[in-house]
Each structure stands twice: as C-alpha cells, then as structure tokens.
N, C-alpha and C. Protein backbone atom coordinates (compact mmCIF):
# COMPACT_ATOMS: atom_id res chain seq x y z
N MET A 1 104.59 -6.71 44.08
CA MET A 1 103.37 -6.07 43.65
C MET A 1 103.22 -6.27 42.15
N ALA A 2 101.98 -6.32 41.72
CA ALA A 2 101.73 -6.48 40.29
C ALA A 2 100.59 -5.58 39.87
N THR A 3 100.73 -5.00 38.70
CA THR A 3 99.66 -4.21 38.12
C THR A 3 99.40 -4.75 36.73
N ARG A 4 98.19 -5.19 36.51
CA ARG A 4 97.79 -5.74 35.22
C ARG A 4 98.72 -6.83 34.74
N GLY A 5 99.14 -7.68 35.67
CA GLY A 5 99.96 -8.81 35.30
C GLY A 5 101.44 -8.50 35.23
N LYS A 6 101.84 -7.27 35.41
CA LYS A 6 103.26 -6.90 35.35
C LYS A 6 103.79 -6.76 36.78
N ALA A 7 104.86 -7.46 37.06
CA ALA A 7 105.44 -7.41 38.40
C ALA A 7 106.24 -6.13 38.57
N ILE A 8 106.14 -5.56 39.77
CA ILE A 8 106.91 -4.38 40.11
C ILE A 8 107.86 -4.77 41.24
N SER A 9 109.11 -4.53 41.06
CA SER A 9 110.08 -4.84 42.09
C SER A 9 110.62 -3.53 42.65
N VAL A 10 110.28 -3.27 43.90
CA VAL A 10 110.66 -2.01 44.53
C VAL A 10 111.25 -2.31 45.89
N LYS A 11 112.28 -1.57 46.24
CA LYS A 11 112.87 -1.67 47.57
C LYS A 11 112.50 -0.39 48.32
N ILE A 12 111.92 -0.54 49.48
CA ILE A 12 111.50 0.60 50.29
C ILE A 12 112.32 0.60 51.57
N ALA A 13 112.76 1.77 52.00
CA ALA A 13 113.57 1.88 53.22
C ALA A 13 112.78 1.35 54.41
N THR A 14 113.40 0.49 55.18
CA THR A 14 112.77 -0.11 56.35
C THR A 14 112.31 0.96 57.33
N VAL A 15 113.12 2.00 57.49
CA VAL A 15 112.78 3.09 58.41
C VAL A 15 111.47 3.75 58.00
N LYS A 16 111.28 3.96 56.69
CA LYS A 16 110.05 4.58 56.19
C LYS A 16 108.84 3.70 56.45
N VAL A 17 109.01 2.40 56.26
CA VAL A 17 107.89 1.47 56.49
C VAL A 17 107.54 1.44 57.97
N ILE A 18 108.55 1.40 58.83
CA ILE A 18 108.30 1.40 60.28
C ILE A 18 107.57 2.68 60.69
N LYS A 19 108.03 3.81 60.18
CA LYS A 19 107.39 5.09 60.51
C LYS A 19 105.94 5.12 60.05
N ALA A 20 105.69 4.61 58.84
CA ALA A 20 104.32 4.57 58.32
C ALA A 20 103.44 3.64 59.14
N LEU A 21 103.99 2.50 59.54
CA LEU A 21 103.21 1.56 60.37
C LEU A 21 102.92 2.15 61.75
N GLU A 22 103.89 2.86 62.32
CA GLU A 22 103.65 3.51 63.62
C GLU A 22 102.56 4.57 63.49
N GLY A 23 102.57 5.30 62.39
CA GLY A 23 101.50 6.28 62.13
C GLY A 23 100.15 5.60 61.99
N ALA A 24 100.11 4.47 61.30
CA ALA A 24 98.87 3.72 61.14
C ALA A 24 98.37 3.19 62.48
N LEU A 25 99.29 2.79 63.34
CA LEU A 25 98.92 2.31 64.68
C LEU A 25 98.31 3.43 65.51
N VAL A 26 98.90 4.61 65.45
CA VAL A 26 98.36 5.77 66.17
C VAL A 26 96.98 6.12 65.65
N LYS A 27 96.82 6.13 64.31
CA LYS A 27 95.53 6.45 63.71
C LYS A 27 94.47 5.43 64.10
N LEU A 28 94.84 4.15 64.09
CA LEU A 28 93.90 3.09 64.49
C LEU A 28 93.44 3.30 65.94
N SER A 29 94.37 3.60 66.82
CA SER A 29 94.02 3.83 68.23
C SER A 29 93.12 5.05 68.40
N LEU A 30 93.45 6.13 67.69
CA LEU A 30 92.61 7.34 67.77
C LEU A 30 91.21 7.10 67.22
N ASP A 31 91.13 6.40 66.08
CA ASP A 31 89.83 6.10 65.49
C ASP A 31 88.98 5.27 66.44
N TYR A 32 89.60 4.28 67.07
CA TYR A 32 88.85 3.42 67.99
C TYR A 32 88.43 4.18 69.24
N SER A 33 89.32 5.02 69.78
CA SER A 33 88.99 5.73 71.01
C SER A 33 87.94 6.82 70.78
N SER A 34 87.91 7.42 69.59
CA SER A 34 86.93 8.46 69.31
C SER A 34 85.61 7.90 68.78
N GLN A 35 85.56 6.60 68.58
CA GLN A 35 84.38 5.97 68.02
C GLN A 35 83.14 6.18 68.88
N GLU A 36 83.27 6.10 70.18
CA GLU A 36 82.12 6.25 71.07
C GLU A 36 81.52 7.66 70.98
N ALA A 37 82.38 8.66 70.95
CA ALA A 37 81.90 10.05 70.83
C ALA A 37 81.25 10.27 69.46
N ASN A 38 81.86 9.73 68.42
CA ASN A 38 81.30 9.85 67.07
C ASN A 38 79.93 9.16 66.98
N GLU A 39 79.81 8.00 67.61
CA GLU A 39 78.54 7.27 67.59
C GLU A 39 77.46 8.04 68.34
N ALA A 40 77.83 8.69 69.45
CA ALA A 40 76.87 9.50 70.21
C ALA A 40 76.38 10.68 69.37
N LYS A 41 77.30 11.35 68.65
CA LYS A 41 76.91 12.46 67.78
C LYS A 41 75.99 11.97 66.66
N TYR A 42 76.32 10.83 66.08
CA TYR A 42 75.50 10.26 65.01
C TYR A 42 74.10 9.92 65.52
N ASN A 43 74.02 9.30 66.70
CA ASN A 43 72.73 8.93 67.26
C ASN A 43 71.87 10.15 67.56
N LYS A 44 72.49 11.23 68.02
CA LYS A 44 71.73 12.47 68.25
C LYS A 44 71.22 13.05 66.94
N ALA A 45 72.05 12.99 65.91
CA ALA A 45 71.63 13.49 64.59
C ALA A 45 70.48 12.66 64.04
N VAL A 46 70.51 11.35 64.23
CA VAL A 46 69.43 10.47 63.77
C VAL A 46 68.15 10.77 64.55
N GLU A 47 68.29 11.01 65.84
CA GLU A 47 67.13 11.34 66.67
C GLU A 47 66.48 12.65 66.20
N ARG A 48 67.30 13.67 65.94
CA ARG A 48 66.78 14.94 65.42
C ARG A 48 66.10 14.73 64.06
N TYR A 49 66.71 13.94 63.21
CA TYR A 49 66.16 13.64 61.89
C TYR A 49 64.80 12.96 62.02
N ASN A 50 64.71 11.95 62.88
CA ASN A 50 63.45 11.24 63.08
C ASN A 50 62.35 12.16 63.61
N LYS A 51 62.72 13.04 64.53
CA LYS A 51 61.73 13.98 65.07
C LYS A 51 61.27 14.96 64.00
N GLU A 52 62.20 15.39 63.15
CA GLU A 52 61.84 16.30 62.08
C GLU A 52 60.90 15.63 61.07
N ILE A 53 61.18 14.38 60.73
CA ILE A 53 60.31 13.63 59.82
C ILE A 53 58.93 13.45 60.46
N ALA A 54 58.90 13.10 61.74
CA ALA A 54 57.62 12.92 62.43
C ALA A 54 56.82 14.22 62.44
N LYS A 55 57.50 15.33 62.68
CA LYS A 55 56.83 16.65 62.69
C LYS A 55 56.25 16.96 61.32
N LEU A 56 57.03 16.70 60.26
CA LEU A 56 56.54 16.92 58.89
C LEU A 56 55.35 16.00 58.59
N ALA A 57 55.42 14.76 59.02
CA ALA A 57 54.35 13.80 58.75
C ALA A 57 53.07 14.19 59.50
N MET A 58 53.23 14.69 60.72
CA MET A 58 52.05 15.06 61.52
C MET A 58 51.29 16.23 60.89
N THR A 59 52.01 17.11 60.18
CA THR A 59 51.31 18.22 59.53
C THR A 59 50.43 17.74 58.39
N GLN A 60 50.71 16.53 57.90
CA GLN A 60 49.95 15.97 56.77
C GLN A 60 49.03 14.82 57.22
N PHE A 61 48.81 14.69 58.52
CA PHE A 61 48.04 13.56 59.05
C PHE A 61 46.63 13.49 58.47
N SER A 62 46.06 14.62 58.15
CA SER A 62 44.69 14.63 57.61
C SER A 62 44.62 13.89 56.26
N LYS A 63 45.76 13.74 55.59
CA LYS A 63 45.79 13.04 54.30
C LYS A 63 46.28 11.60 54.45
N ALA A 64 46.38 11.13 55.68
CA ALA A 64 46.91 9.80 55.95
C ALA A 64 46.00 8.71 55.41
N GLU A 65 46.64 7.64 54.99
CA GLU A 65 45.93 6.45 54.51
C GLU A 65 46.39 5.27 55.35
N ASN A 66 45.53 4.27 55.45
CA ASN A 66 45.89 3.03 56.13
C ASN A 66 46.40 3.28 57.55
N VAL A 67 45.58 3.95 58.35
CA VAL A 67 45.95 4.28 59.74
C VAL A 67 45.79 3.02 60.60
N ARG A 68 46.83 2.73 61.37
CA ARG A 68 46.82 1.57 62.27
C ARG A 68 47.16 2.03 63.68
N VAL A 69 46.36 1.63 64.65
CA VAL A 69 46.59 2.01 66.04
C VAL A 69 46.71 0.74 66.86
N ASN A 70 47.78 0.66 67.64
CA ASN A 70 47.99 -0.48 68.52
C ASN A 70 48.15 0.03 69.95
N VAL A 71 47.27 -0.44 70.82
CA VAL A 71 47.34 -0.07 72.24
C VAL A 71 47.99 -1.24 72.96
N ARG A 72 49.06 -0.94 73.65
CA ARG A 72 49.79 -1.98 74.39
C ARG A 72 49.52 -1.77 75.87
N SER A 73 48.68 -2.62 76.41
CA SER A 73 48.30 -2.45 77.81
C SER A 73 49.42 -2.86 78.76
N TRP A 74 50.27 -3.75 78.33
CA TRP A 74 51.33 -4.24 79.21
C TRP A 74 52.35 -3.16 79.55
N ASN A 75 52.58 -2.20 78.66
CA ASN A 75 53.48 -1.11 79.02
C ASN A 75 52.80 0.26 78.87
N LYS A 76 51.49 0.24 78.72
CA LYS A 76 50.67 1.45 78.66
C LYS A 76 51.17 2.43 77.60
N SER A 77 51.33 1.92 76.37
CA SER A 77 51.78 2.78 75.27
C SER A 77 50.86 2.59 74.07
N VAL A 78 50.90 3.57 73.19
CA VAL A 78 50.09 3.54 71.97
C VAL A 78 51.03 3.72 70.79
N ASN A 79 50.87 2.90 69.79
CA ASN A 79 51.64 3.01 68.56
C ASN A 79 50.68 3.36 67.43
N VAL A 80 50.93 4.50 66.77
CA VAL A 80 50.10 4.93 65.64
C VAL A 80 50.98 4.87 64.40
N ASP A 81 50.52 4.13 63.42
CA ASP A 81 51.26 3.95 62.18
C ASP A 81 50.35 4.34 61.03
N PHE A 82 50.87 5.12 60.08
CA PHE A 82 50.03 5.51 58.94
C PHE A 82 50.90 5.73 57.71
N ASP A 83 50.26 5.71 56.56
CA ASP A 83 50.95 5.93 55.29
C ASP A 83 50.49 7.25 54.71
N LEU A 84 51.44 7.96 54.10
CA LEU A 84 51.12 9.21 53.39
C LEU A 84 51.37 8.98 51.91
N PRO A 85 50.51 9.55 51.08
CA PRO A 85 50.74 9.44 49.63
C PRO A 85 52.09 10.03 49.23
N HIS A 86 52.66 9.47 48.20
CA HIS A 86 53.98 9.91 47.71
C HIS A 86 53.96 11.40 47.35
N GLY A 87 55.02 12.11 47.73
CA GLY A 87 55.18 13.50 47.33
C GLY A 87 54.65 14.54 48.30
N LEU A 88 54.03 14.13 49.39
CA LEU A 88 53.50 15.12 50.34
C LEU A 88 54.61 15.74 51.19
N ILE A 89 55.67 15.00 51.42
CA ILE A 89 56.74 15.49 52.28
C ILE A 89 58.05 15.54 51.49
N THR A 90 58.76 16.64 51.65
CA THR A 90 60.12 16.74 51.13
C THR A 90 61.05 16.37 52.27
N PHE A 91 61.74 15.28 52.12
CA PHE A 91 62.57 14.78 53.20
C PHE A 91 63.88 15.55 53.31
N PRO A 92 64.28 15.86 54.55
CA PRO A 92 65.60 16.46 54.75
C PRO A 92 66.67 15.39 54.52
N GLU A 93 67.91 15.82 54.44
CA GLU A 93 69.01 14.87 54.23
C GLU A 93 69.21 14.01 55.47
N GLU A 94 69.24 12.71 55.25
CA GLU A 94 69.41 11.77 56.36
C GLU A 94 70.87 11.77 56.82
N PRO A 95 71.11 11.74 58.13
CA PRO A 95 72.49 11.72 58.63
C PRO A 95 73.21 10.43 58.22
N THR A 96 74.49 10.53 57.98
CA THR A 96 75.30 9.37 57.64
C THR A 96 76.52 9.34 58.56
N ARG A 97 77.06 8.16 58.73
CA ARG A 97 78.28 8.02 59.54
C ARG A 97 79.45 8.50 58.69
N ASP A 98 80.23 9.42 59.22
CA ASP A 98 81.42 9.90 58.52
C ASP A 98 82.68 9.31 59.14
N TYR A 99 82.51 8.17 59.75
CA TYR A 99 83.62 7.47 60.39
C TYR A 99 83.38 5.98 60.20
N GLU A 100 84.45 5.21 60.38
CA GLU A 100 84.35 3.76 60.25
C GLU A 100 84.16 3.16 61.64
N SER A 101 83.14 2.34 61.77
CA SER A 101 82.87 1.67 63.03
C SER A 101 83.77 0.43 63.12
N ILE A 102 84.56 0.35 64.18
CA ILE A 102 85.52 -0.75 64.35
C ILE A 102 85.09 -1.61 65.54
N HIS A 103 84.84 -2.87 65.28
CA HIS A 103 84.49 -3.80 66.37
C HIS A 103 85.75 -4.06 67.19
N PHE A 104 85.56 -4.35 68.49
CA PHE A 104 86.70 -4.52 69.39
C PHE A 104 87.63 -5.63 68.92
N SER A 105 87.08 -6.75 68.47
CA SER A 105 87.95 -7.86 68.06
C SER A 105 88.77 -7.48 66.82
N THR A 106 88.18 -6.73 65.90
CA THR A 106 88.90 -6.27 64.71
C THR A 106 90.00 -5.29 65.12
N TYR A 107 89.67 -4.40 66.04
CA TYR A 107 90.66 -3.44 66.54
C TYR A 107 91.83 -4.16 67.21
N ARG A 108 91.51 -5.10 68.08
CA ARG A 108 92.54 -5.84 68.81
C ARG A 108 93.44 -6.61 67.84
N GLU A 109 92.83 -7.27 66.86
CA GLU A 109 93.60 -8.05 65.88
C GLU A 109 94.49 -7.15 65.03
N SER A 110 93.94 -6.05 64.54
CA SER A 110 94.72 -5.12 63.70
C SER A 110 95.86 -4.49 64.50
N LYS A 111 95.57 -4.12 65.73
CA LYS A 111 96.59 -3.51 66.59
C LYS A 111 97.73 -4.50 66.84
N GLN A 112 97.37 -5.73 67.11
CA GLN A 112 98.38 -6.75 67.38
C GLN A 112 99.24 -7.02 66.13
N GLU A 113 98.61 -7.09 64.97
CA GLU A 113 99.35 -7.32 63.73
C GLU A 113 100.29 -6.15 63.43
N LEU A 114 99.81 -4.93 63.64
CA LEU A 114 100.67 -3.76 63.43
C LEU A 114 101.86 -3.76 64.39
N GLU A 115 101.59 -4.02 65.65
CA GLU A 115 102.67 -4.06 66.65
C GLU A 115 103.68 -5.15 66.32
N ASN A 116 103.20 -6.32 65.88
CA ASN A 116 104.10 -7.42 65.51
C ASN A 116 104.96 -7.03 64.30
N ALA A 117 104.34 -6.43 63.31
CA ALA A 117 105.09 -6.03 62.10
C ALA A 117 106.14 -4.99 62.45
N ILE A 118 105.80 -4.04 63.30
CA ILE A 118 106.76 -3.01 63.71
C ILE A 118 107.92 -3.65 64.47
N SER A 119 107.60 -4.55 65.39
CA SER A 119 108.64 -5.23 66.17
C SER A 119 109.60 -6.02 65.28
N ILE A 120 109.04 -6.75 64.35
CA ILE A 120 109.88 -7.56 63.45
C ILE A 120 110.75 -6.66 62.58
N LEU A 121 110.16 -5.60 62.04
CA LEU A 121 110.94 -4.70 61.18
C LEU A 121 112.03 -3.97 61.96
N LYS A 122 111.79 -3.68 63.23
CA LYS A 122 112.81 -3.02 64.05
C LYS A 122 113.98 -3.96 64.35
N MET A 123 113.74 -5.27 64.32
CA MET A 123 114.80 -6.24 64.61
C MET A 123 115.67 -6.55 63.39
N THR A 124 115.21 -6.20 62.21
CA THR A 124 115.97 -6.56 61.01
C THR A 124 117.19 -5.65 60.82
N ASP A 125 118.20 -6.23 60.19
CA ASP A 125 119.39 -5.47 59.84
C ASP A 125 119.31 -4.95 58.41
N GLU A 126 118.28 -5.39 57.69
CA GLU A 126 118.11 -4.97 56.30
C GLU A 126 117.74 -3.49 56.24
N GLU A 127 118.30 -2.80 55.28
CA GLU A 127 118.00 -1.37 55.14
C GLU A 127 116.76 -1.14 54.30
N THR A 128 116.37 -2.14 53.52
CA THR A 128 115.19 -2.00 52.68
C THR A 128 114.24 -3.17 52.92
N VAL A 129 113.00 -2.95 52.56
CA VAL A 129 111.96 -3.96 52.70
C VAL A 129 111.62 -4.45 51.30
N SER A 130 111.53 -5.76 51.14
CA SER A 130 111.20 -6.30 49.83
C SER A 130 109.72 -6.06 49.50
N THR A 131 109.39 -6.23 48.24
CA THR A 131 108.02 -6.01 47.79
C THR A 131 107.06 -6.97 48.47
N SER A 132 107.47 -8.22 48.65
CA SER A 132 106.56 -9.19 49.29
C SER A 132 106.30 -8.82 50.75
N THR A 133 107.31 -8.33 51.45
CA THR A 133 107.11 -7.89 52.83
C THR A 133 106.20 -6.67 52.86
N TYR A 134 106.42 -5.76 51.93
CA TYR A 134 105.59 -4.56 51.87
C TYR A 134 104.14 -4.92 51.59
N GLN A 135 103.92 -5.90 50.72
CA GLN A 135 102.55 -6.32 50.41
C GLN A 135 101.85 -6.84 51.67
N ALA A 136 102.59 -7.49 52.55
CA ALA A 136 102.00 -8.06 53.76
C ALA A 136 101.50 -6.97 54.71
N VAL A 137 102.14 -5.80 54.69
CA VAL A 137 101.75 -4.73 55.61
C VAL A 137 101.04 -3.57 54.93
N ALA A 138 100.97 -3.60 53.62
CA ALA A 138 100.40 -2.47 52.85
C ALA A 138 98.95 -2.18 53.20
N ARG A 139 98.19 -3.16 53.59
CA ARG A 139 96.77 -2.92 53.89
C ARG A 139 96.58 -2.00 55.09
N TYR A 140 97.59 -1.84 55.90
CA TYR A 140 97.50 -0.95 57.07
C TYR A 140 97.92 0.47 56.75
N LEU A 141 98.54 0.66 55.61
CA LEU A 141 99.08 1.99 55.28
C LEU A 141 98.11 2.78 54.43
C-alpha cells in the first residue's frame, strides 16, 4: 500500500483477513437478496411522489401554459401535457435509493472472487498476509 508516494509495509493476520472476507461475502449475499424488496419499496415511493406532484400540478391547471393533448386511438388513452410557470409548486422531496443496485453478473463475479480468495487464504500456511495480497482483496472489505 502507498499513501502519497510512501510505501507502507504491513503484515495482517491471515485469520483476520479470512474472517473479514467471509463477512463481506455474507453482506454481498444479503444485499443482493434484499435488492428486490428494496426496489419494490423504492418504486412505491416514486409512484406516491409522482401522484403527489400530479395532484399539486392539477390544482394549478388554470395557470397552465403550452397545453398539449394527444389522443391515442390504438389504445384508447389520452395524454395531457402542460407547463406551469416557475414557482407555482413547492416540490416535496424526491425519493432516492438508499441501497446499491447490483446486477446479477456483477454479483456472481464478486461472489466468485470472494469465495476464491477465501479458499486460497484457507490453504496457506502463512500466518500473515502481505500488503500486496491485502491490496488484491481490500476492495471487498
């Protein structure tokens, strides 16, 4: 490891690194498995937010500018689009994701790398892990 051009030479107990990697593997699995539920909660929050904005905008429809109406006969729907002058609506706070979305391929790759690192470290007879080895797995910790 290096900080501002200065090399740091540290020996870390292999057992501690293995334990930390196993913890990272558990966290990765939990994050991925709870992702669907988190995404559903986020989508519901966005839906509520959109409805609230639409409700606020409809109360100011009489002040609308540039009204556009599109009738879609193929699916029997109407789209009404309009602009409101700046400052008529105070917007509520928009929902944000408070979790990291992990794509399946990224999850699979990270899980495999963690499992491989744990397996290799469990096979070693060394009591400590060198700095270069630690750097290779540090991104997971």
